[in-house]
Amino acid sequence: MLRCPNCNSHDLGKVGTNQFYCWQCFVEMTTDDKGISSIYQVEEDGSLTSLNDLFFEEDSRTVYLD
Protein backbone atom coordinates (compact mmCIF):
# COMPACT_ATOMS: atom_id res chain seq x y z
CA MET A 1 0.00 0.00 0.00
CA LEU A 2 1.23 3.46 -0.87
CA ARG A 3 2.16 5.87 1.93
CA CYS A 4 2.86 9.58 1.69
CA PRO A 5 6.64 10.12 1.85
CA ASN A 6 6.09 13.45 3.62
CA CYS A 7 3.70 12.59 6.47
CA ASN A 8 3.54 8.75 6.22
CA SER A 9 -0.26 8.83 5.86
CA HIS A 10 -2.34 6.28 3.94
CA ASP A 11 -5.00 8.97 3.31
CA LEU A 12 -4.27 9.28 -0.42
CA GLY A 13 -6.58 9.96 -3.31
CA LYS A 14 -6.00 9.07 -6.94
CA VAL A 15 -6.12 12.15 -9.17
CA GLY A 16 -4.96 10.62 -12.44
CA THR A 17 -3.07 7.76 -14.00
CA ASN A 18 -0.17 7.09 -11.61
CA GLN A 19 -0.92 10.35 -9.72
CA PHE A 20 -1.90 10.56 -6.06
CA TYR A 21 -2.76 13.35 -3.61
CA CYS A 22 -2.23 13.29 0.16
CA TRP A 23 -5.20 14.74 2.06
CA GLN A 24 -3.13 15.16 5.24
CA CYS A 25 -0.20 17.28 4.01
CA PHE A 26 -1.42 18.35 0.54
CA VAL A 27 1.37 16.95 -1.64
CA GLU A 28 0.88 15.32 -5.02
CA MET A 29 3.03 12.45 -6.23
CA THR A 30 3.51 10.43 -9.38
CA THR A 31 4.46 6.77 -9.44
CA ASP A 32 5.99 4.30 -11.83
CA ASP A 33 6.88 0.61 -11.58
CA LYS A 34 9.83 1.39 -9.24
CA GLY A 35 7.88 3.52 -6.74
CA ILE A 36 7.29 7.22 -6.32
CA SER A 37 9.00 9.13 -9.11
CA SER A 38 8.06 12.79 -8.35
CA ILE A 39 6.67 14.74 -5.40
CA TYR A 40 5.06 18.18 -5.62
CA GLN A 41 3.63 20.70 -3.19
CA VAL A 42 0.30 22.09 -4.34
CA GLU A 43 0.35 25.88 -4.02
CA GLU A 44 -2.67 28.08 -3.19
CA ASP A 45 -3.10 29.03 -6.86
CA GLY A 46 -3.12 25.36 -7.90
CA SER A 47 0.38 25.34 -9.34
CA LEU A 48 2.87 22.63 -8.37
CA THR A 49 6.31 23.12 -6.84
CA SER A 50 8.73 20.20 -7.07
CA LEU A 51 9.92 18.68 -3.80
CA ASN A 52 12.11 16.06 -5.48
CA ASP A 53 15.33 17.63 -4.18
CA LEU A 54 14.10 17.06 -0.60
CA PHE A 55 13.05 13.42 -1.05
CA PHE A 56 15.38 11.89 -3.62
CA GLU A 57 19.12 11.49 -3.69
CA GLU A 58 20.84 12.19 -6.97
CA ASP A 59 20.32 9.32 -9.45
CA SER A 60 18.65 7.01 -6.92
CA ARG A 61 15.19 6.49 -5.50
CA THR A 62 14.84 6.75 -1.74
CA VAL A 63 11.03 6.49 -1.54
CA TYR A 64 9.30 3.23 -2.48
CA LEU A 65 5.88 1.64 -2.46
CA ASP A 66 5.12 -0.50 0.62
PDB file of N, CA and C in Angstrom:
ATOM      1  N   MET A   1       0.841  -1.180   0.000  1.00  0.00           N
ATOM      2  CA  MET A   1       0.000   0.000   0.000  1.00  0.00           C
ATOM      3  C   MET A   1       0.885   1.243   0.000  1.00  0.00           C
ATOM      4  N   LEU A   2       0.477   2.222  -0.723  1.00  0.00           N
ATOM      5  CA  LEU A   2       1.234   3.457  -0.866  1.00  0.00           C
ATOM      6  C   LEU A   2       1.063   4.346   0.359  1.00  0.00           C
ATOM      7  N   ARG A   3       2.162   4.910   0.835  1.00  0.00           N
ATOM      8  CA  ARG A   3       2.157   5.870   1.933  1.00  0.00           C
ATOM      9  C   ARG A   3       2.744   7.185   1.423  1.00  0.00           C
ATOM     10  N   CYS A   4       2.297   8.280   2.027  1.00  0.00           N
ATOM     11  CA  CYS A   4       2.855   9.579   1.692  1.00  0.00           C
ATOM     12  C   CYS A   4       4.291   9.656   2.219  1.00  0.00           C
ATOM     13  N   PRO A   5       5.247  10.029   1.390  1.00  0.00           N
ATOM     14  CA  PRO A   5       6.637  10.123   1.852  1.00  0.00           C
ATOM     15  C   PRO A   5       6.869  11.321   2.778  1.00  0.00           C
ATOM     16  N   ASN A   6       5.943  12.259   2.794  1.00  0.00           N
ATOM     17  CA  ASN A   6       6.090  13.453   3.621  1.00  0.00           C
ATOM     18  C   ASN A   6       5.558  13.238   5.037  1.00  0.00           C
ATOM     19  N   CYS A   7       4.328  12.720   5.160  1.00  0.00           N
ATOM     20  CA  CYS A   7       3.700  12.585   6.473  1.00  0.00           C
ATOM     21  C   CYS A   7       3.423  11.133   6.870  1.00  0.00           C
ATOM     22  N   ASN A   8       3.704  10.187   5.985  1.00  0.00           N
ATOM     23  CA  ASN A   8       3.538   8.751   6.224  1.00  0.00           C
ATOM     24  C   ASN A   8       2.075   8.319   6.307  1.00  0.00           C
ATOM     25  N   SER A   9       1.163   9.124   5.815  1.00  0.00           N
ATOM     26  CA  SER A   9      -0.263   8.828   5.859  1.00  0.00           C
ATOM     27  C   SER A   9      -0.673   7.892   4.723  1.00  0.00           C
ATOM     28  N   HIS A  10      -1.722   7.101   4.981  1.00  0.00           N
ATOM     29  CA  HIS A  10      -2.343   6.280   3.939  1.00  0.00           C
ATOM     30  C   HIS A  10      -3.533   7.002   3.319  1.00  0.00           C
ATOM     31  N   ASP A  11      -3.826   8.204   3.756  1.00  0.00           N
ATOM     32  CA  ASP A  11      -5.000   8.969   3.311  1.00  0.00           C
ATOM     33  C   ASP A  11      -4.707   9.634   1.960  1.00  0.00           C
ATOM     34  N   LEU A  12      -4.621   8.810   0.916  1.00  0.00           N
ATOM     35  CA  LEU A  12      -4.274   9.281  -0.422  1.00  0.00           C
ATOM     36  C   LEU A  12      -5.452   9.123  -1.363  1.00  0.00           C
ATOM     37  N   GLY A  13      -5.572  10.048  -2.278  1.00  0.00           N
ATOM     38  CA  GLY A  13      -6.581   9.965  -3.310  1.00  0.00           C
ATOM     39  C   GLY A  13      -5.916   9.889  -4.664  1.00  0.00           C
ATOM     40  N   LYS A  14      -6.542   9.188  -5.582  1.00  0.00           N
ATOM     41  CA  LYS A  14      -6.004   9.074  -6.941  1.00  0.00           C
ATOM     42  C   LYS A  14      -6.568  10.215  -7.771  1.00  0.00           C
ATOM     43  N   VAL A  15      -5.686  11.003  -8.386  1.00  0.00           N
ATOM     44  CA  VAL A  15      -6.124  12.153  -9.173  1.00  0.00           C
ATOM     45  C   VAL A  15      -5.869  11.969 -10.661  1.00  0.00           C
ATOM     46  N   GLY A  16      -5.228  10.896 -11.034  1.00  0.00           N
ATOM     47  CA  GLY A  16      -4.958  10.619 -12.441  1.00  0.00           C
ATOM     48  C   GLY A  16      -4.190   9.323 -12.559  1.00  0.00           C
ATOM     49  N   THR A  17      -3.851   8.962 -13.769  1.00  0.00           N
ATOM     50  CA  THR A  17      -3.066   7.764 -14.000  1.00  0.00           C
ATOM     51  C   THR A  17      -1.713   7.930 -13.327  1.00  0.00           C
ATOM     52  N   ASN A  18      -1.428   7.060 -12.359  1.00  0.00           N
ATOM     53  CA  ASN A  18      -0.168   7.095 -11.609  1.00  0.00           C
ATOM     54  C   ASN A  18       0.052   8.403 -10.854  1.00  0.00           C
ATOM     55  N   GLN A  19      -1.017   9.109 -10.491  1.00  0.00           N
ATOM     56  CA  GLN A  19      -0.916  10.351  -9.723  1.00  0.00           C
ATOM     57  C   GLN A  19      -1.792  10.250  -8.477  1.00  0.00           C
ATOM     58  N   PHE A  20      -1.209  10.639  -7.338  1.00  0.00           N
ATOM     59  CA  PHE A  20      -1.904  10.561  -6.061  1.00  0.00           C
ATOM     60  C   PHE A  20      -1.767  11.875  -5.310  1.00  0.00           C
ATOM     61  N   TYR A  21      -2.722  12.133  -4.409  1.00  0.00           N
ATOM     62  CA  TYR A  21      -2.757  13.347  -3.610  1.00  0.00           C
ATOM     63  C   TYR A  21      -2.925  12.969  -2.154  1.00  0.00           C
ATOM     64  N   CYS A  22      -2.117  13.557  -1.267  1.00  0.00           N
ATOM     65  CA  CYS A  22      -2.233  13.293   0.160  1.00  0.00           C
ATOM     66  C   CYS A  22      -3.149  14.334   0.793  1.00  0.00           C
ATOM     67  N   TRP A  23      -4.220  13.860   1.428  1.00  0.00           N
ATOM     68  CA  TRP A  23      -5.197  14.742   2.057  1.00  0.00           C
ATOM     69  C   TRP A  23      -4.716  15.262   3.408  1.00  0.00           C
ATOM     70  N   GLN A  24      -3.645  14.710   3.944  1.00  0.00           N
ATOM     71  CA  GLN A  24      -3.127  15.160   5.236  1.00  0.00           C
ATOM     72  C   GLN A  24      -2.137  16.320   5.105  1.00  0.00           C
ATOM     73  N   CYS A  25      -1.244  16.245   4.131  1.00  0.00           N
ATOM     74  CA  CYS A  25      -0.204  17.284   4.011  1.00  0.00           C
ATOM     75  C   CYS A  25      -0.210  17.991   2.657  1.00  0.00           C
ATOM     76  N   PHE A  26      -1.163  17.622   1.781  1.00  0.00           N
ATOM     77  CA  PHE A  26      -1.415  18.345   0.536  1.00  0.00           C
ATOM     78  C   PHE A  26      -0.254  18.299  -0.454  1.00  0.00           C
ATOM     79  N   VAL A  27       0.367  17.139  -0.592  1.00  0.00           N
ATOM     80  CA  VAL A  27       1.366  16.954  -1.639  1.00  0.00           C
ATOM     81  C   VAL A  27       0.804  16.011  -2.693  1.00  0.00           C
ATOM     82  N   GLU A  28       1.277  16.171  -3.901  1.00  0.00           N
ATOM     83  CA  GLU A  28       0.883  15.316  -5.016  1.00  0.00           C
ATOM     84  C   GLU A  28       2.109  14.531  -5.437  1.00  0.00           C
ATOM     85  N   MET A  29       1.907  13.273  -5.819  1.00  0.00           N
ATOM     86  CA  MET A  29       3.030  12.449  -6.226  1.00  0.00           C
ATOM     87  C   MET A  29       2.678  11.625  -7.457  1.00  0.00           C
ATOM     88  N   THR A  30       3.678  11.317  -8.235  1.00  0.00           N
ATOM     89  CA  THR A  30       3.506  10.434  -9.380  1.00  0.00           C
ATOM     90  C   THR A  30       4.308   9.170  -9.113  1.00  0.00           C
ATOM     91  N   THR A  31       3.797   8.058  -9.646  1.00  0.00           N
ATOM     92  CA  THR A  31       4.458   6.771  -9.438  1.00  0.00           C
ATOM     93  C   THR A  31       4.781   6.114 -10.770  1.00  0.00           C
ATOM     94  N   ASP A  32       5.703   5.183 -10.705  1.00  0.00           N
ATOM     95  CA  ASP A  32       5.988   4.300 -11.830  1.00  0.00           C
ATOM     96  C   ASP A  32       6.220   2.916 -11.259  1.00  0.00           C
ATOM     97  N   ASP A  33       6.725   1.987 -12.052  1.00  0.00           N
ATOM     98  CA  ASP A  33       6.884   0.614 -11.583  1.00  0.00           C
ATOM     99  C   ASP A  33       7.946   0.452 -10.492  1.00  0.00           C
ATOM    100  N   LYS A  34       8.784   1.459 -10.275  1.00  0.00           N
ATOM    101  CA  LYS A  34       9.828   1.385  -9.244  1.00  0.00           C
ATOM    102  C   LYS A  34       9.425   2.074  -7.946  1.00  0.00           C
ATOM    103  N   GLY A  35       8.326   2.810  -7.938  1.00  0.00           N
ATOM    104  CA  GLY A  35       7.885   3.522  -6.737  1.00  0.00           C
ATOM    105  C   GLY A  35       7.478   4.944  -7.069  1.00  0.00           C
ATOM    106  N   ILE A  36       7.651   5.817  -6.118  1.00  0.00           N
ATOM    107  CA  ILE A  36       7.293   7.224  -6.318  1.00  0.00           C
ATOM    108  C   ILE A  36       8.390   7.886  -7.136  1.00  0.00           C
ATOM    109  N   SER A  37       8.004   8.551  -8.219  1.00  0.00           N
ATOM    110  CA  SER A  37       8.998   9.135  -9.115  1.00  0.00           C
ATOM    111  C   SER A  37       9.099  10.655  -8.978  1.00  0.00           C
ATOM    112  N   SER A  38       8.036  11.328  -8.523  1.00  0.00           N
ATOM    113  CA  SER A  38       8.061  12.786  -8.349  1.00  0.00           C
ATOM    114  C   SER A  38       7.119  13.169  -7.219  1.00  0.00           C
ATOM    115  N   ILE A  39       7.488  14.229  -6.496  1.00  0.00           N
ATOM    116  CA  ILE A  39       6.668  14.739  -5.400  1.00  0.00           C
ATOM    117  C   ILE A  39       6.550  16.252  -5.564  1.00  0.00           C
ATOM    118  N   TYR A  40       5.319  16.759  -5.432  1.00  0.00           N
ATOM    119  CA  TYR A  40       5.059  18.180  -5.620  1.00  0.00           C
ATOM    120  C   TYR A  40       4.224  18.734  -4.480  1.00  0.00           C
ATOM    121  N   GLN A  41       4.493  19.968  -4.111  1.00  0.00           N
ATOM    122  CA  GLN A  41       3.631  20.698  -3.186  1.00  0.00           C
ATOM    123  C   GLN A  41       2.614  21.455  -4.019  1.00  0.00           C
ATOM    124  N   VAL A  42       1.350  21.362  -3.641  1.00  0.00           N
ATOM    125  CA  VAL A  42       0.296  22.086  -4.344  1.00  0.00           C
ATOM    126  C   VAL A  42       0.175  23.471  -3.711  1.00  0.00           C
ATOM    127  N   GLU A  43       0.403  24.500  -4.504  1.00  0.00           N
ATOM    128  CA  GLU A  43       0.350  25.878  -4.019  1.00  0.00           C
ATOM    129  C   GLU A  43      -1.091  26.377  -3.982  1.00  0.00           C
ATOM    130  N   GLU A  44      -1.321  27.518  -3.328  1.00  0.00           N
ATOM    131  CA  GLU A  44      -2.666  28.082  -3.189  1.00  0.00           C
ATOM    132  C   GLU A  44      -3.330  28.359  -4.532  1.00  0.00           C
ATOM    133  N   ASP A  45      -2.536  28.726  -5.538  1.00  0.00           N
ATOM    134  CA  ASP A  45      -3.101  29.031  -6.855  1.00  0.00           C
ATOM    135  C   ASP A  45      -3.283  27.787  -7.721  1.00  0.00           C
ATOM    136  N   GLY A  46      -2.961  26.613  -7.167  1.00  0.00           N
ATOM    137  CA  GLY A  46      -3.117  25.358  -7.897  1.00  0.00           C
ATOM    138  C   GLY A  46      -1.880  24.909  -8.635  1.00  0.00           C
ATOM    139  N   SER A  47      -0.855  25.731  -8.665  1.00  0.00           N
ATOM    140  CA  SER A  47       0.378  25.338  -9.336  1.00  0.00           C
ATOM    141  C   SER A  47       1.139  24.339  -8.465  1.00  0.00           C
ATOM    142  N   LEU A  48       2.085  23.644  -9.067  1.00  0.00           N
ATOM    143  CA  LEU A  48       2.866  22.625  -8.371  1.00  0.00           C
ATOM    144  C   LEU A  48       4.322  23.066  -8.257  1.00  0.00           C
ATOM    145  N   THR A  49       4.902  22.845  -7.080  1.00  0.00           N
ATOM    146  CA  THR A  49       6.310  23.119  -6.842  1.00  0.00           C
ATOM    147  C   THR A  49       6.989  21.789  -6.521  1.00  0.00           C
ATOM    148  N   SER A  50       8.049  21.474  -7.248  1.00  0.00           N
ATOM    149  CA  SER A  50       8.734  20.201  -7.067  1.00  0.00           C
ATOM    150  C   SER A  50       9.404  20.125  -5.698  1.00  0.00           C
ATOM    151  N   LEU A  51       9.248  18.968  -5.057  1.00  0.00           N
ATOM    152  CA  LEU A  51       9.924  18.676  -3.796  1.00  0.00           C
ATOM    153  C   LEU A  51      10.929  17.539  -3.962  1.00  0.00           C
ATOM    154  N   ASN A  52      11.228  17.195  -5.204  1.00  0.00           N
ATOM    155  CA  ASN A  52      12.111  16.063  -5.484  1.00  0.00           C
ATOM    156  C   ASN A  52      13.473  16.216  -4.823  1.00  0.00           C
ATOM    157  N   ASP A  53      14.006  17.431  -4.772  1.00  0.00           N
ATOM    158  CA  ASP A  53      15.329  17.632  -4.183  1.00  0.00           C
ATOM    159  C   ASP A  53      15.335  17.341  -2.680  1.00  0.00           C
ATOM    160  N   LEU A  54      14.177  17.367  -2.026  1.00  0.00           N
ATOM    161  CA  LEU A  54      14.098  17.061  -0.604  1.00  0.00           C
ATOM    162  C   LEU A  54      13.939  15.568  -0.324  1.00  0.00           C
ATOM    163  N   PHE A  55      13.389  14.820  -1.283  1.00  0.00           N
ATOM    164  CA  PHE A  55      13.052  13.420  -1.051  1.00  0.00           C
ATOM    165  C   PHE A  55      13.913  12.413  -1.795  1.00  0.00           C
ATOM    166  N   PHE A  56      14.609  12.826  -2.818  1.00  0.00           N
ATOM    167  CA  PHE A  56      15.383  11.888  -3.622  1.00  0.00           C
ATOM    168  C   PHE A  56      16.847  12.288  -3.639  1.00  0.00           C
ATOM    169  N   GLU A  57      17.703  11.270  -3.504  1.00  0.00           N
ATOM    170  CA  GLU A  57      19.125  11.493  -3.685  1.00  0.00           C
ATOM    171  C   GLU A  57      19.409  11.500  -5.175  1.00  0.00           C
ATOM    172  N   GLU A  58      20.491  12.100  -5.560  1.00  0.00           N
ATOM    173  CA  GLU A  58      20.844  12.192  -6.972  1.00  0.00           C
ATOM    174  C   GLU A  58      20.983  10.799  -7.587  1.00  0.00           C
ATOM    175  N   ASP A  59      20.259  10.560  -8.675  1.00  0.00           N
ATOM    176  CA  ASP A  59      20.315   9.316  -9.452  1.00  0.00           C
ATOM    177  C   ASP A  59      19.907   8.061  -8.690  1.00  0.00           C
ATOM    178  N   SER A  60      19.165   8.206  -7.592  1.00  0.00           N
ATOM    179  CA  SER A  60      18.652   7.011  -6.917  1.00  0.00           C
ATOM    180  C   SER A  60      17.332   7.331  -6.249  1.00  0.00           C
ATOM    181  N   ARG A  61      16.496   6.336  -6.140  1.00  0.00           N
ATOM    182  CA  ARG A  61      15.191   6.490  -5.502  1.00  0.00           C
ATOM    183  C   ARG A  61      15.324   6.168  -4.028  1.00  0.00           C
ATOM    184  N   THR A  62      14.796   7.026  -3.171  1.00  0.00           N
ATOM    185  CA  THR A  62      14.836   6.755  -1.743  1.00  0.00           C
ATOM    186  C   THR A  62      13.445   6.497  -1.183  1.00  0.00           C
ATOM    187  N   VAL A  63      12.406   6.687  -1.990  1.00  0.00           N
ATOM    188  CA  VAL A  63      11.034   6.487  -1.543  1.00  0.00           C
ATOM    189  C   VAL A  63      10.429   5.384  -2.400  1.00  0.00           C
ATOM    190  N   TYR A  64       9.836   4.380  -1.762  1.00  0.00           N
ATOM    191  CA  TYR A  64       9.297   3.233  -2.476  1.00  0.00           C
ATOM    192  C   TYR A  64       7.878   2.934  -2.037  1.00  0.00           C
ATOM    193  N   LEU A  65       7.194   2.139  -2.824  1.00  0.00           N
ATOM    194  CA  LEU A  65       5.883   1.641  -2.458  1.00  0.00           C
ATOM    195  C   LEU A  65       6.049   0.599  -1.359  1.00  0.00           C
ATOM    196  N   ASP A  66       5.079   0.525  -0.443  1.00  0.00           N
ATOM    197  CA  ASP A  66       5.116  -0.497   0.623  1.00  0.00           C
ATOM    198  C   ASP A  66       4.841  -1.862   0.036  1.00  0.00           C
TER     199      ASP A  66
END
